[in-house]
Amino acid sequence: MTVQRHRWLIGLAGVVSVLSAAGLAGPASASESVSTMPAATTCVAGFSCYYDGSSSGLSGNGLLWNAPHCGFFNFGTFSPPLNDRVSSIVNRGGGAVQAYNWVGHWQAVGTAVPPGGTRNYTGSQANIIDAVSIAC
């Protein structure tokens, strides 16, 4: 691990610690339970929402998860895991959402979904999303 990355991770840990103490961060465990996240049949204002099924996802069917706040979410650490299941995103939150695929490193999938935007991932981008980064 490089010194710069190590310093960044230490800084990030400090930010998470402060947010947790203030009650603004999500669960501190590595596996965030999907069942504790807000759920709805459609994407409610203030959240970005993740669907299984592209055309049905954007109409509110197949909802897998609503993001509780900004940050980086590795779907493989969820219980149950959601990696390689997301095929559409509806962003009704305040920050852009960038999807990632794990290929030995995090590789961006397409471009970021802006606030108010929607995206269906088809073809080679369908069902490969392993994580998302939501801007604050």
N, C-alpha and C. Protein backbone atom coordinates (compact mmCIF):
# COMPACT_ATOMS: atom_id res chain seq x y z
N MET A 1 0.85 -1.16 0.00
CA MET A 1 0.00 0.00 0.00
C MET A 1 0.90 1.23 0.00
N THR A 2 0.57 2.19 -0.86
CA THR A 2 1.39 3.40 -0.93
C THR A 2 1.13 4.27 0.29
N VAL A 3 2.08 5.14 0.60
CA VAL A 3 1.93 6.05 1.74
C VAL A 3 0.74 6.97 1.53
N GLN A 4 0.57 7.45 0.28
CA GLN A 4 -0.55 8.35 -0.01
C GLN A 4 -1.89 7.65 0.23
N ARG A 5 -2.03 6.41 -0.26
CA ARG A 5 -3.28 5.67 -0.07
C ARG A 5 -3.50 5.39 1.42
N HIS A 6 -2.44 5.05 2.14
CA HIS A 6 -2.54 4.78 3.57
C HIS A 6 -3.05 6.02 4.30
N ARG A 7 -2.50 7.18 3.97
CA ARG A 7 -2.93 8.44 4.61
C ARG A 7 -4.39 8.72 4.27
N TRP A 8 -4.78 8.46 3.01
CA TRP A 8 -6.16 8.69 2.60
C TRP A 8 -7.10 7.80 3.40
N LEU A 9 -6.74 6.52 3.56
CA LEU A 9 -7.58 5.59 4.31
C LEU A 9 -7.69 5.99 5.78
N ILE A 10 -6.60 6.48 6.36
CA ILE A 10 -6.64 6.94 7.76
C ILE A 10 -7.56 8.15 7.86
N GLY A 11 -7.47 9.07 6.90
CA GLY A 11 -8.35 10.24 6.88
C GLY A 11 -9.81 9.85 6.73
N LEU A 12 -10.07 8.89 5.83
CA LEU A 12 -11.43 8.41 5.63
C LEU A 12 -11.98 7.77 6.89
N ALA A 13 -11.16 6.99 7.58
CA ALA A 13 -11.59 6.36 8.83
C ALA A 13 -11.97 7.42 9.86
N GLY A 14 -11.21 8.51 9.91
CA GLY A 14 -11.53 9.60 10.83
C GLY A 14 -12.85 10.26 10.49
N VAL A 15 -13.12 10.48 9.21
CA VAL A 15 -14.39 11.08 8.79
C VAL A 15 -15.55 10.17 9.15
N VAL A 16 -15.41 8.88 8.88
CA VAL A 16 -16.46 7.92 9.21
C VAL A 16 -16.70 7.90 10.71
N SER A 17 -15.64 7.95 11.50
CA SER A 17 -15.77 7.96 12.95
C SER A 17 -16.55 9.18 13.43
N VAL A 18 -16.24 10.35 12.87
CA VAL A 18 -16.95 11.58 13.25
C VAL A 18 -18.41 11.49 12.83
N LEU A 19 -18.68 11.01 11.61
CA LEU A 19 -20.06 10.89 11.14
C LEU A 19 -20.84 9.88 11.98
N SER A 20 -20.19 8.78 12.35
CA SER A 20 -20.85 7.77 13.18
C SER A 20 -21.21 8.34 14.54
N ALA A 21 -20.28 9.09 15.13
CA ALA A 21 -20.54 9.68 16.44
C ALA A 21 -21.68 10.68 16.37
N ALA A 22 -21.83 11.33 15.22
CA ALA A 22 -22.91 12.30 15.04
C ALA A 22 -24.20 11.64 14.59
N GLY A 23 -24.17 10.32 14.37
CA GLY A 23 -25.35 9.60 13.92
C GLY A 23 -25.65 9.80 12.45
N LEU A 24 -24.65 10.23 11.66
CA LEU A 24 -24.87 10.50 10.25
C LEU A 24 -24.37 9.41 9.33
N ALA A 25 -23.66 8.45 9.82
CA ALA A 25 -23.14 7.37 8.98
C ALA A 25 -23.99 6.13 9.16
N GLY A 26 -23.91 5.26 8.16
CA GLY A 26 -24.65 4.01 8.23
C GLY A 26 -23.97 3.03 9.16
N PRO A 27 -24.39 1.78 9.12
CA PRO A 27 -23.79 0.76 9.97
C PRO A 27 -22.28 0.68 9.79
N ALA A 28 -21.58 0.47 10.89
CA ALA A 28 -20.11 0.43 10.85
C ALA A 28 -19.58 -0.90 10.38
N SER A 29 -20.39 -1.93 10.33
CA SER A 29 -19.90 -3.25 9.95
C SER A 29 -19.63 -3.31 8.46
N ALA A 30 -18.79 -4.27 8.07
CA ALA A 30 -18.45 -4.43 6.66
C ALA A 30 -19.63 -4.95 5.86
N SER A 31 -20.55 -5.66 6.50
CA SER A 31 -21.71 -6.16 5.76
C SER A 31 -22.95 -5.40 6.22
N GLU A 32 -23.43 -4.57 5.36
CA GLU A 32 -24.59 -3.73 5.66
C GLU A 32 -25.83 -4.50 5.23
N SER A 33 -26.74 -4.72 6.14
CA SER A 33 -27.92 -5.52 5.84
C SER A 33 -28.88 -4.76 4.95
N VAL A 34 -29.23 -5.36 3.83
CA VAL A 34 -30.17 -4.73 2.90
C VAL A 34 -31.52 -4.56 3.56
N SER A 35 -31.92 -5.48 4.42
CA SER A 35 -33.24 -5.42 5.02
C SER A 35 -33.41 -4.22 5.94
N THR A 36 -32.32 -3.58 6.39
CA THR A 36 -32.45 -2.43 7.25
C THR A 36 -32.54 -1.12 6.47
N MET A 37 -32.41 -1.18 5.15
CA MET A 37 -32.48 0.01 4.33
C MET A 37 -33.93 0.38 4.07
N PRO A 38 -34.22 1.68 3.82
CA PRO A 38 -35.58 2.07 3.47
C PRO A 38 -36.01 1.32 2.22
N ALA A 39 -37.22 0.87 2.18
CA ALA A 39 -37.70 0.14 1.02
C ALA A 39 -39.00 0.75 0.53
N ALA A 40 -39.22 0.68 -0.75
CA ALA A 40 -40.44 1.17 -1.36
C ALA A 40 -40.59 0.47 -2.69
N THR A 41 -41.76 0.53 -3.27
CA THR A 41 -41.93 -0.08 -4.58
C THR A 41 -41.44 0.86 -5.67
N THR A 42 -41.37 2.16 -5.39
CA THR A 42 -40.79 3.12 -6.32
C THR A 42 -39.72 3.91 -5.59
N CYS A 43 -38.93 4.64 -6.34
CA CYS A 43 -37.83 5.40 -5.76
C CYS A 43 -38.35 6.72 -5.18
N VAL A 44 -38.19 6.88 -3.89
CA VAL A 44 -38.68 8.08 -3.21
C VAL A 44 -37.64 9.20 -3.29
N ALA A 45 -38.11 10.43 -3.22
CA ALA A 45 -37.23 11.59 -3.29
C ALA A 45 -36.17 11.52 -2.19
N GLY A 46 -34.95 11.91 -2.53
CA GLY A 46 -33.85 11.92 -1.57
C GLY A 46 -32.99 10.67 -1.60
N PHE A 47 -33.36 9.68 -2.38
CA PHE A 47 -32.62 8.42 -2.43
C PHE A 47 -32.19 8.11 -3.87
N SER A 48 -31.16 7.30 -4.00
CA SER A 48 -30.87 6.67 -5.29
C SER A 48 -31.28 5.21 -5.11
N CYS A 49 -31.86 4.66 -6.16
CA CYS A 49 -32.47 3.33 -6.06
C CYS A 49 -31.91 2.40 -7.12
N TYR A 50 -31.82 1.13 -6.77
CA TYR A 50 -31.12 0.14 -7.59
C TYR A 50 -32.06 -1.02 -7.86
N TYR A 51 -32.18 -1.37 -9.16
CA TYR A 51 -33.17 -2.33 -9.61
C TYR A 51 -32.54 -3.52 -10.32
N ASP A 52 -33.22 -4.65 -10.22
CA ASP A 52 -32.89 -5.86 -10.95
C ASP A 52 -33.90 -5.95 -12.09
N GLY A 53 -33.46 -5.77 -13.30
CA GLY A 53 -34.36 -5.74 -14.44
C GLY A 53 -34.39 -4.34 -15.02
N SER A 54 -33.92 -4.17 -16.24
CA SER A 54 -33.75 -2.82 -16.76
C SER A 54 -35.05 -2.10 -17.06
N SER A 55 -35.85 -2.58 -17.98
CA SER A 55 -37.05 -1.81 -18.32
C SER A 55 -38.03 -1.78 -17.16
N SER A 56 -38.15 -2.88 -16.42
CA SER A 56 -39.07 -2.89 -15.29
C SER A 56 -38.53 -2.07 -14.13
N GLY A 57 -37.20 -2.01 -13.99
CA GLY A 57 -36.62 -1.24 -12.90
C GLY A 57 -37.01 0.22 -12.92
N LEU A 58 -36.99 0.81 -14.09
CA LEU A 58 -37.28 2.24 -14.18
C LEU A 58 -38.75 2.53 -13.96
N SER A 59 -39.61 1.53 -14.02
CA SER A 59 -41.01 1.78 -13.72
C SER A 59 -41.34 1.39 -12.28
N GLY A 60 -40.31 1.01 -11.49
CA GLY A 60 -40.52 0.77 -10.07
C GLY A 60 -40.62 -0.68 -9.67
N ASN A 61 -40.39 -1.61 -10.59
CA ASN A 61 -40.44 -3.04 -10.25
C ASN A 61 -39.03 -3.58 -10.08
N GLY A 62 -38.87 -4.60 -9.26
CA GLY A 62 -37.58 -5.23 -9.08
C GLY A 62 -36.62 -4.45 -8.21
N LEU A 63 -37.16 -3.61 -7.32
CA LEU A 63 -36.30 -2.81 -6.45
C LEU A 63 -35.46 -3.71 -5.55
N LEU A 64 -34.14 -3.52 -5.59
CA LEU A 64 -33.22 -4.27 -4.74
C LEU A 64 -32.84 -3.49 -3.48
N TRP A 65 -32.61 -2.16 -3.64
CA TRP A 65 -32.03 -1.40 -2.55
C TRP A 65 -32.21 0.08 -2.78
N ASN A 66 -32.41 0.84 -1.70
CA ASN A 66 -32.38 2.30 -1.70
C ASN A 66 -31.15 2.72 -0.91
N ALA A 67 -30.31 3.58 -1.48
CA ALA A 67 -29.11 4.03 -0.77
C ALA A 67 -29.52 4.96 0.37
N PRO A 68 -29.02 4.73 1.59
CA PRO A 68 -29.41 5.53 2.74
C PRO A 68 -28.71 6.88 2.83
N HIS A 69 -27.57 7.04 2.15
CA HIS A 69 -26.78 8.27 2.21
C HIS A 69 -25.69 8.20 1.16
N CYS A 70 -24.91 9.27 1.03
CA CYS A 70 -23.81 9.26 0.08
C CYS A 70 -22.68 8.38 0.61
N GLY A 71 -21.76 8.02 -0.27
CA GLY A 71 -20.63 7.21 0.12
C GLY A 71 -20.36 6.12 -0.90
N PHE A 72 -19.46 5.22 -0.55
CA PHE A 72 -19.10 4.10 -1.41
C PHE A 72 -19.73 2.84 -0.82
N PHE A 73 -20.45 2.09 -1.66
CA PHE A 73 -21.14 0.88 -1.21
C PHE A 73 -20.71 -0.30 -2.07
N ASN A 74 -20.06 -1.27 -1.44
CA ASN A 74 -19.62 -2.50 -2.10
C ASN A 74 -20.73 -3.52 -1.93
N PHE A 75 -21.45 -3.80 -3.01
CA PHE A 75 -22.61 -4.70 -2.95
C PHE A 75 -22.23 -6.12 -2.53
N GLY A 76 -21.00 -6.51 -2.73
CA GLY A 76 -20.55 -7.84 -2.33
C GLY A 76 -20.49 -8.04 -0.83
N THR A 77 -20.46 -6.93 -0.06
CA THR A 77 -20.40 -7.04 1.40
C THR A 77 -21.79 -6.99 2.04
N PHE A 78 -22.82 -6.81 1.24
CA PHE A 78 -24.18 -6.76 1.78
C PHE A 78 -24.62 -8.18 2.17
N SER A 79 -25.64 -8.24 2.99
CA SER A 79 -26.20 -9.53 3.38
C SER A 79 -27.70 -9.52 3.07
N PRO A 80 -28.13 -10.18 2.03
CA PRO A 80 -27.38 -10.98 1.05
C PRO A 80 -26.66 -10.07 0.06
N PRO A 81 -25.62 -10.59 -0.60
CA PRO A 81 -24.87 -9.79 -1.56
C PRO A 81 -25.75 -9.37 -2.75
N LEU A 82 -25.50 -8.16 -3.26
CA LEU A 82 -26.25 -7.66 -4.42
C LEU A 82 -25.35 -7.48 -5.64
N ASN A 83 -24.06 -7.85 -5.52
CA ASN A 83 -23.17 -7.66 -6.66
C ASN A 83 -23.65 -8.48 -7.86
N ASP A 84 -23.45 -7.90 -9.04
CA ASP A 84 -23.84 -8.50 -10.32
C ASP A 84 -25.34 -8.71 -10.47
N ARG A 85 -26.13 -7.91 -9.77
CA ARG A 85 -27.60 -8.00 -9.90
C ARG A 85 -28.23 -6.71 -10.37
N VAL A 86 -27.56 -5.57 -10.15
CA VAL A 86 -28.15 -4.28 -10.50
C VAL A 86 -28.07 -4.07 -12.01
N SER A 87 -29.23 -3.73 -12.61
CA SER A 87 -29.24 -3.46 -14.04
C SER A 87 -29.88 -2.11 -14.37
N SER A 88 -30.37 -1.40 -13.35
CA SER A 88 -30.81 -0.03 -13.59
C SER A 88 -30.74 0.78 -12.30
N ILE A 89 -30.52 2.09 -12.49
CA ILE A 89 -30.41 3.02 -11.37
C ILE A 89 -31.34 4.20 -11.61
N VAL A 90 -32.07 4.57 -10.58
CA VAL A 90 -32.87 5.80 -10.58
C VAL A 90 -32.26 6.67 -9.49
N ASN A 91 -31.83 7.87 -9.86
CA ASN A 91 -31.15 8.74 -8.90
C ASN A 91 -32.06 9.91 -8.54
N ARG A 92 -32.73 9.80 -7.39
CA ARG A 92 -33.55 10.89 -6.89
C ARG A 92 -32.88 11.56 -5.69
N GLY A 93 -31.58 11.26 -5.53
CA GLY A 93 -30.79 11.86 -4.45
C GLY A 93 -30.12 13.14 -4.93
N GLY A 94 -29.24 13.68 -4.08
CA GLY A 94 -28.61 14.95 -4.37
C GLY A 94 -27.24 14.87 -5.01
N GLY A 95 -26.66 13.68 -5.13
CA GLY A 95 -25.31 13.53 -5.69
C GLY A 95 -25.29 12.54 -6.84
N ALA A 96 -24.33 12.72 -7.74
CA ALA A 96 -24.16 11.80 -8.86
C ALA A 96 -23.80 10.40 -8.36
N VAL A 97 -24.23 9.38 -9.09
CA VAL A 97 -23.97 7.98 -8.74
C VAL A 97 -23.10 7.36 -9.83
N GLN A 98 -21.92 6.87 -9.43
CA GLN A 98 -21.04 6.17 -10.36
C GLN A 98 -21.04 4.69 -10.01
N ALA A 99 -21.37 3.86 -10.99
CA ALA A 99 -21.36 2.40 -10.80
C ALA A 99 -19.97 1.85 -11.12
N TYR A 100 -19.61 0.77 -10.42
CA TYR A 100 -18.30 0.14 -10.62
C TYR A 100 -18.43 -1.38 -10.73
N ASN A 101 -17.51 -1.96 -11.49
CA ASN A 101 -17.37 -3.40 -11.61
C ASN A 101 -15.99 -3.77 -11.07
N TRP A 102 -15.90 -4.86 -10.31
CA TRP A 102 -14.62 -5.32 -9.79
C TRP A 102 -13.98 -6.24 -10.83
N VAL A 103 -12.80 -5.84 -11.34
CA VAL A 103 -12.04 -6.63 -12.32
C VAL A 103 -10.59 -6.71 -11.86
N GLY A 104 -10.40 -6.97 -10.56
CA GLY A 104 -9.07 -6.93 -9.97
C GLY A 104 -8.78 -5.54 -9.42
N HIS A 105 -9.58 -4.59 -9.83
CA HIS A 105 -9.60 -3.21 -9.34
C HIS A 105 -10.98 -2.65 -9.70
N TRP A 106 -11.35 -1.52 -9.13
CA TRP A 106 -12.65 -0.93 -9.41
C TRP A 106 -12.60 -0.22 -10.77
N GLN A 107 -13.48 -0.65 -11.67
CA GLN A 107 -13.55 -0.07 -13.01
C GLN A 107 -14.93 0.56 -13.18
N ALA A 108 -14.97 1.83 -13.60
CA ALA A 108 -16.24 2.53 -13.80
C ALA A 108 -17.07 1.83 -14.87
N VAL A 109 -18.37 1.76 -14.62
CA VAL A 109 -19.32 1.22 -15.60
C VAL A 109 -20.09 2.41 -16.15
N GLY A 110 -19.80 2.78 -17.38
CA GLY A 110 -20.47 3.93 -17.99
C GLY A 110 -20.10 5.23 -17.28
N THR A 111 -20.93 6.23 -17.46
CA THR A 111 -20.73 7.53 -16.82
C THR A 111 -21.64 7.63 -15.61
N ALA A 112 -21.38 8.62 -14.78
CA ALA A 112 -22.18 8.81 -13.55
C ALA A 112 -23.62 9.17 -13.90
N VAL A 113 -24.55 8.70 -13.07
CA VAL A 113 -25.96 9.03 -13.21
C VAL A 113 -26.19 10.31 -12.40
N PRO A 114 -26.54 11.42 -13.06
CA PRO A 114 -26.69 12.68 -12.34
C PRO A 114 -27.95 12.69 -11.48
N PRO A 115 -28.04 13.60 -10.50
CA PRO A 115 -29.28 13.73 -9.72
C PRO A 115 -30.46 13.95 -10.68
N GLY A 116 -31.52 13.22 -10.46
CA GLY A 116 -32.70 13.30 -11.33
C GLY A 116 -32.61 12.39 -12.55
N GLY A 117 -31.48 11.70 -12.73
CA GLY A 117 -31.27 10.87 -13.90
C GLY A 117 -31.62 9.41 -13.67
N THR A 118 -31.73 8.68 -14.76
CA THR A 118 -31.97 7.23 -14.71
C THR A 118 -31.02 6.57 -15.70
N ARG A 119 -30.72 5.32 -15.47
CA ARG A 119 -29.84 4.59 -16.39
C ARG A 119 -30.20 3.12 -16.38
N ASN A 120 -30.40 2.56 -17.57
CA ASN A 120 -30.50 1.12 -17.77
C ASN A 120 -29.15 0.64 -18.25
N TYR A 121 -28.65 -0.42 -17.66
CA TYR A 121 -27.38 -1.01 -18.09
C TYR A 121 -27.72 -2.24 -18.91
N THR A 122 -27.34 -2.24 -20.18
CA THR A 122 -27.68 -3.33 -21.09
C THR A 122 -26.41 -3.88 -21.72
N GLY A 123 -26.57 -4.96 -22.46
CA GLY A 123 -25.44 -5.55 -23.17
C GLY A 123 -24.33 -5.95 -22.22
N SER A 124 -23.11 -5.53 -22.52
CA SER A 124 -21.95 -5.92 -21.70
C SER A 124 -21.95 -5.25 -20.34
N GLN A 125 -22.81 -4.24 -20.12
CA GLN A 125 -22.88 -3.57 -18.82
C GLN A 125 -23.99 -4.13 -17.93
N ALA A 126 -24.79 -5.02 -18.42
CA ALA A 126 -25.91 -5.58 -17.65
C ALA A 126 -25.40 -6.53 -16.57
N ASN A 127 -25.90 -6.34 -15.37
CA ASN A 127 -25.62 -7.25 -14.24
C ASN A 127 -24.14 -7.47 -13.96
N ILE A 128 -23.33 -6.41 -14.08
CA ILE A 128 -21.92 -6.51 -13.71
C ILE A 128 -21.57 -5.55 -12.57
N ILE A 129 -22.52 -4.75 -12.10
CA ILE A 129 -22.24 -3.72 -11.10
C ILE A 129 -22.00 -4.37 -9.74
N ASP A 130 -20.84 -4.05 -9.17
CA ASP A 130 -20.43 -4.60 -7.88
C ASP A 130 -20.41 -3.55 -6.77
N ALA A 131 -20.46 -2.26 -7.14
CA ALA A 131 -20.41 -1.19 -6.15
C ALA A 131 -20.89 0.11 -6.78
N VAL A 132 -21.25 1.05 -5.94
CA VAL A 132 -21.57 2.40 -6.40
C VAL A 132 -20.90 3.41 -5.47
N SER A 133 -20.55 4.54 -6.06
CA SER A 133 -20.03 5.67 -5.29
C SER A 133 -21.03 6.81 -5.49
N ILE A 134 -21.58 7.30 -4.38
CA ILE A 134 -22.58 8.36 -4.44
C ILE A 134 -21.95 9.63 -3.88
N ALA A 135 -21.89 10.66 -4.72
CA ALA A 135 -21.28 11.92 -4.32
C ALA A 135 -22.13 12.60 -3.26
N CYS A 136 -21.45 13.26 -2.31
CA CYS A 136 -22.15 14.01 -1.26
C CYS A 136 -22.46 15.41 -1.72
